[in-house]
PDB file of all heavy atoms in Angstrom:
ATOM      1  N   GLY A   1      64.673  46.774 -42.238  1.00  0.00           N
ATOM      2  CA  GLY A   1      64.540  45.596 -43.149  1.00  0.00           C
ATOM      3  C   GLY A   1      65.531  44.518 -42.799  1.00  0.00           C
ATOM      4  O   GLY A   1      65.899  43.640 -43.627  1.00  0.00           O
ATOM      5  N   GLU A   2      65.910  44.408 -41.508  1.00  0.00           N
ATOM      6  CA  GLU A   2      66.906  43.452 -41.120  1.00  0.00           C
ATOM      7  C   GLU A   2      66.134  42.124 -40.637  1.00  0.00           C
ATOM      8  O   GLU A   2      64.959  42.073 -40.385  1.00  0.00           O
ATOM      9  CB  GLU A   2      67.710  43.952 -39.912  1.00  0.00           C
ATOM     10  CG  GLU A   2      68.643  45.019 -40.318  1.00  0.00           C
ATOM     11  CD  GLU A   2      69.450  45.525 -39.089  1.00  0.00           C
ATOM     12  OE1 GLU A   2      69.473  44.907 -38.074  1.00  0.00           O
ATOM     13  OE2 GLU A   2      70.106  46.544 -39.282  1.00  0.00           O
ATOM     14  N   TYR A   3      66.976  41.100 -40.633  1.00  0.00           N
ATOM     15  CA  TYR A   3      66.597  39.691 -40.201  1.00  0.00           C
ATOM     16  C   TYR A   3      65.878  39.833 -38.841  1.00  0.00           C
ATOM     17  O   TYR A   3      66.408  40.432 -37.866  1.00  0.00           O
ATOM     18  CB  TYR A   3      67.849  38.866 -40.185  1.00  0.00           C
ATOM     19  CG  TYR A   3      67.677  37.490 -39.685  1.00  0.00           C
ATOM     20  CD1 TYR A   3      67.048  36.550 -40.406  1.00  0.00           C
ATOM     21  CD2 TYR A   3      68.168  37.170 -38.321  1.00  0.00           C
ATOM     22  CE1 TYR A   3      66.994  35.282 -39.931  1.00  0.00           C
ATOM     23  CE2 TYR A   3      68.038  35.886 -37.877  1.00  0.00           C
ATOM     24  CZ  TYR A   3      67.463  34.915 -38.672  1.00  0.00           C
ATOM     25  OH  TYR A   3      67.308  33.646 -38.229  1.00  0.00           O
ATOM     26  N   GLN A   4      64.717  39.164 -38.708  1.00  0.00           N
ATOM     27  CA  GLN A   4      64.006  39.131 -37.500  1.00  0.00           C
ATOM     28  C   GLN A   4      63.964  37.915 -36.650  1.00  0.00           C
ATOM     29  O   GLN A   4      63.931  37.887 -35.429  1.00  0.00           O
ATOM     30  CB  GLN A   4      62.521  39.487 -37.780  1.00  0.00           C
ATOM     31  CG  GLN A   4      62.258  40.979 -38.086  1.00  0.00           C
ATOM     32  CD  GLN A   4      62.548  41.807 -36.796  1.00  0.00           C
ATOM     33  OE1 GLN A   4      61.919  41.593 -35.806  1.00  0.00           O
ATOM     34  NE2 GLN A   4      63.455  42.729 -36.917  1.00  0.00           N
ATOM     35  N   SER A   5      63.918  36.746 -37.368  1.00  0.00           N
ATOM     36  CA  SER A   5      63.838  35.515 -36.584  1.00  0.00           C
ATOM     37  C   SER A   5      64.484  34.344 -37.333  1.00  0.00           C
ATOM     38  O   SER A   5      64.552  34.381 -38.588  1.00  0.00           O
ATOM     39  CB  SER A   5      62.316  35.182 -36.526  1.00  0.00           C
ATOM     40  OG  SER A   5      62.108  33.930 -35.879  1.00  0.00           O
ATOM     41  N   LYS A   6      64.955  33.398 -36.622  1.00  0.00           N
ATOM     42  CA  LYS A   6      65.552  32.220 -37.265  1.00  0.00           C
ATOM     43  C   LYS A   6      64.530  31.182 -37.605  1.00  0.00           C
ATOM     44  O   LYS A   6      64.859  30.126 -38.097  1.00  0.00           O
ATOM     45  CB  LYS A   6      66.681  31.681 -36.363  1.00  0.00           C
ATOM     46  CG  LYS A   6      66.234  31.049 -35.093  1.00  0.00           C
ATOM     47  CD  LYS A   6      67.416  30.575 -34.302  1.00  0.00           C
ATOM     48  CE  LYS A   6      66.980  30.111 -32.938  1.00  0.00           C
ATOM     49  NZ  LYS A   6      68.086  29.716 -32.148  1.00  0.00           N
ATOM     50  N   VAL A   7      63.296  31.431 -37.215  1.00  0.00           N
ATOM     51  CA  VAL A   7      62.273  30.433 -37.485  1.00  0.00           C
ATOM     52  C   VAL A   7      61.241  31.175 -38.440  1.00  0.00           C
ATOM     53  O   VAL A   7      60.711  32.155 -38.190  1.00  0.00           O
ATOM     54  CB  VAL A   7      61.531  30.033 -36.195  1.00  0.00           C
ATOM     55  CG1 VAL A   7      60.382  29.105 -36.467  1.00  0.00           C
ATOM     56  CG2 VAL A   7      62.450  29.427 -35.171  1.00  0.00           C
ATOM     57  N   SER A   8      60.976  30.488 -39.600  1.00  0.00           N
ATOM     58  CA  SER A   8      60.046  31.057 -40.542  1.00  0.00           C
ATOM     59  C   SER A   8      59.202  29.887 -41.098  1.00  0.00           C
ATOM     60  O   SER A   8      59.575  28.731 -41.125  1.00  0.00           O
ATOM     61  CB  SER A   8      60.768  31.758 -41.678  1.00  0.00           C
ATOM     62  OG  SER A   8      61.566  30.858 -42.353  1.00  0.00           O
ATOM     63  N   PRO A   9      57.970  30.256 -41.504  1.00  0.00           N
ATOM     64  CA  PRO A   9      57.036  29.096 -41.985  1.00  0.00           C
ATOM     65  C   PRO A   9      57.347  28.778 -43.368  1.00  0.00           C
ATOM     66  O   PRO A   9      57.748  29.589 -44.226  1.00  0.00           O
ATOM     67  CB  PRO A   9      55.689  29.795 -41.778  1.00  0.00           C
ATOM     68  CG  PRO A   9      55.945  31.265 -42.030  1.00  0.00           C
ATOM     69  CD  PRO A   9      57.319  31.496 -41.453  1.00  0.00           C
ATOM     70  N   SER A  10      56.991  27.483 -43.777  1.00  0.00           N
ATOM     71  CA  SER A  10      56.949  27.022 -45.121  1.00  0.00           C
ATOM     72  C   SER A  10      55.472  27.079 -45.477  1.00  0.00           C
ATOM     73  O   SER A  10      54.663  26.563 -44.740  1.00  0.00           O
ATOM     74  CB  SER A  10      57.499  25.725 -45.245  1.00  0.00           C
ATOM     75  OG  SER A  10      58.776  25.606 -44.831  1.00  0.00           O
ATOM     76  N   VAL A  11      55.100  27.703 -46.576  1.00  0.00           N
ATOM     77  CA  VAL A  11      53.700  27.860 -46.849  1.00  0.00           C
ATOM     78  C   VAL A  11      53.371  27.397 -48.277  1.00  0.00           C
ATOM     79  O   VAL A  11      54.210  27.482 -49.162  1.00  0.00           O
ATOM     80  CB  VAL A  11      53.257  29.372 -46.703  1.00  0.00           C
ATOM     81  CG1 VAL A  11      53.327  29.813 -45.309  1.00  0.00           C
ATOM     82  CG2 VAL A  11      54.111  30.292 -47.543  1.00  0.00           C
ATOM     83  N   VAL A  12      52.130  26.889 -48.447  1.00  0.00           N
ATOM     84  CA  VAL A  12      51.703  26.540 -49.784  1.00  0.00           C
ATOM     85  C   VAL A  12      50.256  27.036 -49.872  1.00  0.00           C
ATOM     86  O   VAL A  12      49.543  27.124 -48.894  1.00  0.00           O
ATOM     87  CB  VAL A  12      51.722  24.956 -49.962  1.00  0.00           C
ATOM     88  CG1 VAL A  12      53.130  24.540 -50.007  1.00  0.00           C
ATOM     89  CG2 VAL A  12      50.911  24.292 -48.977  1.00  0.00           C
ATOM     90  N   PRO A  13      49.841  27.382 -51.126  1.00  0.00           N
ATOM     91  CA  PRO A  13      48.393  27.772 -51.286  1.00  0.00           C
ATOM     92  C   PRO A  13      47.520  26.526 -51.156  1.00  0.00           C
ATOM     93  O   PRO A  13      47.823  25.495 -51.615  1.00  0.00           O
ATOM     94  CB  PRO A  13      48.360  28.348 -52.641  1.00  0.00           C
ATOM     95  CG  PRO A  13      49.470  27.699 -53.436  1.00  0.00           C
ATOM     96  CD  PRO A  13      50.540  27.440 -52.392  1.00  0.00           C
ATOM     97  N   THR A  14      46.376  26.719 -50.425  1.00  0.00           N
ATOM     98  CA  THR A  14      45.410  25.605 -50.280  1.00  0.00           C
ATOM     99  C   THR A  14      44.212  25.791 -51.093  1.00  0.00           C
ATOM    100  O   THR A  14      43.598  24.803 -51.430  1.00  0.00           O
ATOM    101  CB  THR A  14      45.010  25.436 -48.796  1.00  0.00           C
ATOM    102  OG1 THR A  14      44.478  26.633 -48.341  1.00  0.00           O
ATOM    103  CG2 THR A  14      46.256  25.114 -47.980  1.00  0.00           C
ATOM    104  N   ALA A  15      43.852  26.985 -51.374  1.00  0.00           N
ATOM    105  CA  ALA A  15      42.646  27.274 -52.234  1.00  0.00           C
ATOM    106  C   ALA A  15      42.734  28.696 -52.680  1.00  0.00           C
ATOM    107  O   ALA A  15      43.496  29.461 -52.233  1.00  0.00           O
ATOM    108  CB  ALA A  15      41.411  27.011 -51.386  1.00  0.00           C
ATOM    109  N   MET A  16      41.882  28.979 -53.655  1.00  0.00           N
ATOM    110  CA  MET A  16      41.766  30.281 -54.155  1.00  0.00           C
ATOM    111  C   MET A  16      40.430  31.018 -53.645  1.00  0.00           C
ATOM    112  O   MET A  16      39.394  30.342 -53.654  1.00  0.00           O
ATOM    113  CB  MET A  16      41.778  30.398 -55.731  1.00  0.00           C
ATOM    114  CG  MET A  16      43.058  29.963 -56.301  1.00  0.00           C
ATOM    115  SD  MET A  16      44.401  31.052 -55.916  1.00  0.00           S
ATOM    116  CE  MET A  16      44.137  32.362 -57.015  1.00  0.00           C
ATOM    117  N   SER A  17      40.583  32.148 -52.962  1.00  0.00           N
ATOM    118  CA  SER A  17      39.429  32.845 -52.533  1.00  0.00           C
ATOM    119  C   SER A  17      39.360  34.096 -53.336  1.00  0.00           C
ATOM    120  O   SER A  17      40.173  35.030 -53.255  1.00  0.00           O
ATOM    121  CB  SER A  17      39.624  33.189 -51.062  1.00  0.00           C
ATOM    122  OG  SER A  17      38.627  34.143 -50.646  1.00  0.00           O
ATOM    123  N   SER A  18      38.377  34.150 -54.257  1.00  0.00           N
ATOM    124  CA  SER A  18      38.276  35.185 -55.211  1.00  0.00           C
ATOM    125  C   SER A  18      39.513  35.296 -55.969  1.00  0.00           C
ATOM    126  O   SER A  18      39.959  34.431 -56.698  1.00  0.00           O
ATOM    127  CB  SER A  18      37.694  36.470 -54.688  1.00  0.00           C
ATOM    128  OG  SER A  18      38.659  37.030 -53.776  1.00  0.00           O
ATOM    129  N   GLN A  19      40.304  36.388 -55.836  1.00  0.00           N
ATOM    130  CA  GLN A  19      41.549  36.586 -56.586  1.00  0.00           C
ATOM    131  C   GLN A  19      42.824  36.303 -55.829  1.00  0.00           C
ATOM    132  O   GLN A  19      43.878  36.325 -56.279  1.00  0.00           O
ATOM    133  CB  GLN A  19      41.615  37.947 -57.189  1.00  0.00           C
ATOM    134  CG  GLN A  19      41.604  39.011 -56.173  1.00  0.00           C
ATOM    135  CD  GLN A  19      41.009  40.310 -56.656  1.00  0.00           C
ATOM    136  OE1 GLN A  19      40.133  40.297 -57.547  1.00  0.00           O
ATOM    137  NE2 GLN A  19      41.534  41.396 -56.193  1.00  0.00           N
ATOM    138  N   PHE A  20      42.625  36.051 -54.400  1.00  0.00           N
ATOM    139  CA  PHE A  20      43.792  35.802 -53.608  1.00  0.00           C
ATOM    140  C   PHE A  20      43.890  34.471 -53.072  1.00  0.00           C
ATOM    141  O   PHE A  20      42.870  33.821 -52.677  1.00  0.00           O
ATOM    142  CB  PHE A  20      43.788  36.793 -52.374  1.00  0.00           C
ATOM    143  CG  PHE A  20      43.661  38.184 -52.698  1.00  0.00           C
ATOM    144  CD1 PHE A  20      42.468  38.947 -52.610  1.00  0.00           C
ATOM    145  CD2 PHE A  20      44.815  38.876 -53.159  1.00  0.00           C
ATOM    146  CE1 PHE A  20      42.476  40.298 -53.012  1.00  0.00           C
ATOM    147  CE2 PHE A  20      44.739  40.220 -53.553  1.00  0.00           C
ATOM    148  CZ  PHE A  20      43.589  40.916 -53.433  1.00  0.00           C
ATOM    149  N   PRO A  21      45.125  33.837 -53.107  1.00  0.00           N
ATOM    150  CA  PRO A  21      45.214  32.418 -52.618  1.00  0.00           C
ATOM    151  C   PRO A  21      45.143  32.427 -51.060  1.00  0.00           C
ATOM    152  O   PRO A  21      45.490  33.362 -50.423  1.00  0.00           O
ATOM    153  CB  PRO A  21      46.610  32.014 -53.036  1.00  0.00           C
ATOM    154  CG  PRO A  21      47.377  33.290 -53.275  1.00  0.00           C
ATOM    155  CD  PRO A  21      46.368  34.355 -53.639  1.00  0.00           C
ATOM    156  N   ILE A  22      44.587  31.342 -50.580  1.00  0.00           N
ATOM    157  CA  ILE A  22      44.639  31.137 -49.070  1.00  0.00           C
ATOM    158  C   ILE A  22      45.848  30.277 -48.804  1.00  0.00           C
ATOM    159  O   ILE A  22      46.076  29.193 -49.340  1.00  0.00           O
ATOM    160  CB  ILE A  22      43.345  30.418 -48.620  1.00  0.00           C
ATOM    161  CG1 ILE A  22      42.125  31.200 -48.959  1.00  0.00           C
ATOM    162  CG2 ILE A  22      43.384  30.019 -47.125  1.00  0.00           C
ATOM    163  CD1 ILE A  22      40.783  30.544 -48.750  1.00  0.00           C
ATOM    164  N   TRP A  23      46.692  30.735 -47.868  1.00  0.00           N
ATOM    165  CA  TRP A  23      47.956  30.131 -47.566  1.00  0.00           C
ATOM    166  C   TRP A  23      47.808  29.219 -46.374  1.00  0.00           C
ATOM    167  O   TRP A  23      47.150  29.455 -45.388  1.00  0.00           O
ATOM    168  CB  TRP A  23      49.067  31.101 -47.333  1.00  0.00           C
ATOM    169  CG  TRP A  23      49.303  32.008 -48.531  1.00  0.00           C
ATOM    170  CD1 TRP A  23      48.720  33.206 -48.789  1.00  0.00           C
ATOM    171  CD2 TRP A  23      50.090  31.707 -49.637  1.00  0.00           C
ATOM    172  NE1 TRP A  23      49.160  33.726 -50.001  1.00  0.00           N
ATOM    173  CE2 TRP A  23      49.952  32.771 -50.594  1.00  0.00           C
ATOM    174  CE3 TRP A  23      50.868  30.609 -50.065  1.00  0.00           C
ATOM    175  CZ2 TRP A  23      50.649  32.831 -51.760  1.00  0.00           C
ATOM    176  CZ3 TRP A  23      51.499  30.622 -51.256  1.00  0.00           C
ATOM    177  CH2 TRP A  23      51.347  31.736 -52.126  1.00  0.00           C
ATOM    178  N   LYS A  24      48.548  28.110 -46.321  1.00  0.00           N
ATOM    179  CA  LYS A  24      48.628  27.178 -45.256  1.00  0.00           C
ATOM    180  C   LYS A  24      50.104  26.980 -44.846  1.00  0.00           C
ATOM    181  O   LYS A  24      50.874  26.723 -45.727  1.00  0.00           O
ATOM    182  CB  LYS A  24      48.017  25.887 -45.659  1.00  0.00           C
ATOM    183  CG  LYS A  24      48.036  24.838 -44.565  1.00  0.00           C
ATOM    184  CD  LYS A  24      47.530  23.485 -45.099  1.00  0.00           C
ATOM    185  CE  LYS A  24      47.721  22.477 -44.106  1.00  0.00           C
ATOM    186  NZ  LYS A  24      47.517  21.122 -44.581  1.00  0.00           N
ATOM    187  N   ILE A  25      50.396  27.091 -43.523  1.00  0.00           N
ATOM    188  CA  ILE A  25      51.713  26.796 -43.086  1.00  0.00           C
ATOM    189  C   ILE A  25      51.899  25.300 -43.005  1.00  0.00           C
ATOM    190  O   ILE A  25      51.119  24.624 -42.364  1.00  0.00           O
ATOM    191  CB  ILE A  25      51.922  27.455 -41.674  1.00  0.00           C
ATOM    192  CG1 ILE A  25      51.891  29.013 -41.830  1.00  0.00           C
ATOM    193  CG2 ILE A  25      53.267  27.010 -41.134  1.00  0.00           C
ATOM    194  CD1 ILE A  25      52.046  29.771 -40.501  1.00  0.00           C
TER     195      ILE A  25
END
């Protein structure tokens, strides 16, 4: 469970697909 990368995405939901959101970087 340790740190893997110094680069990570910022994400926001763009739409809902049935019950799960679709994420966009």
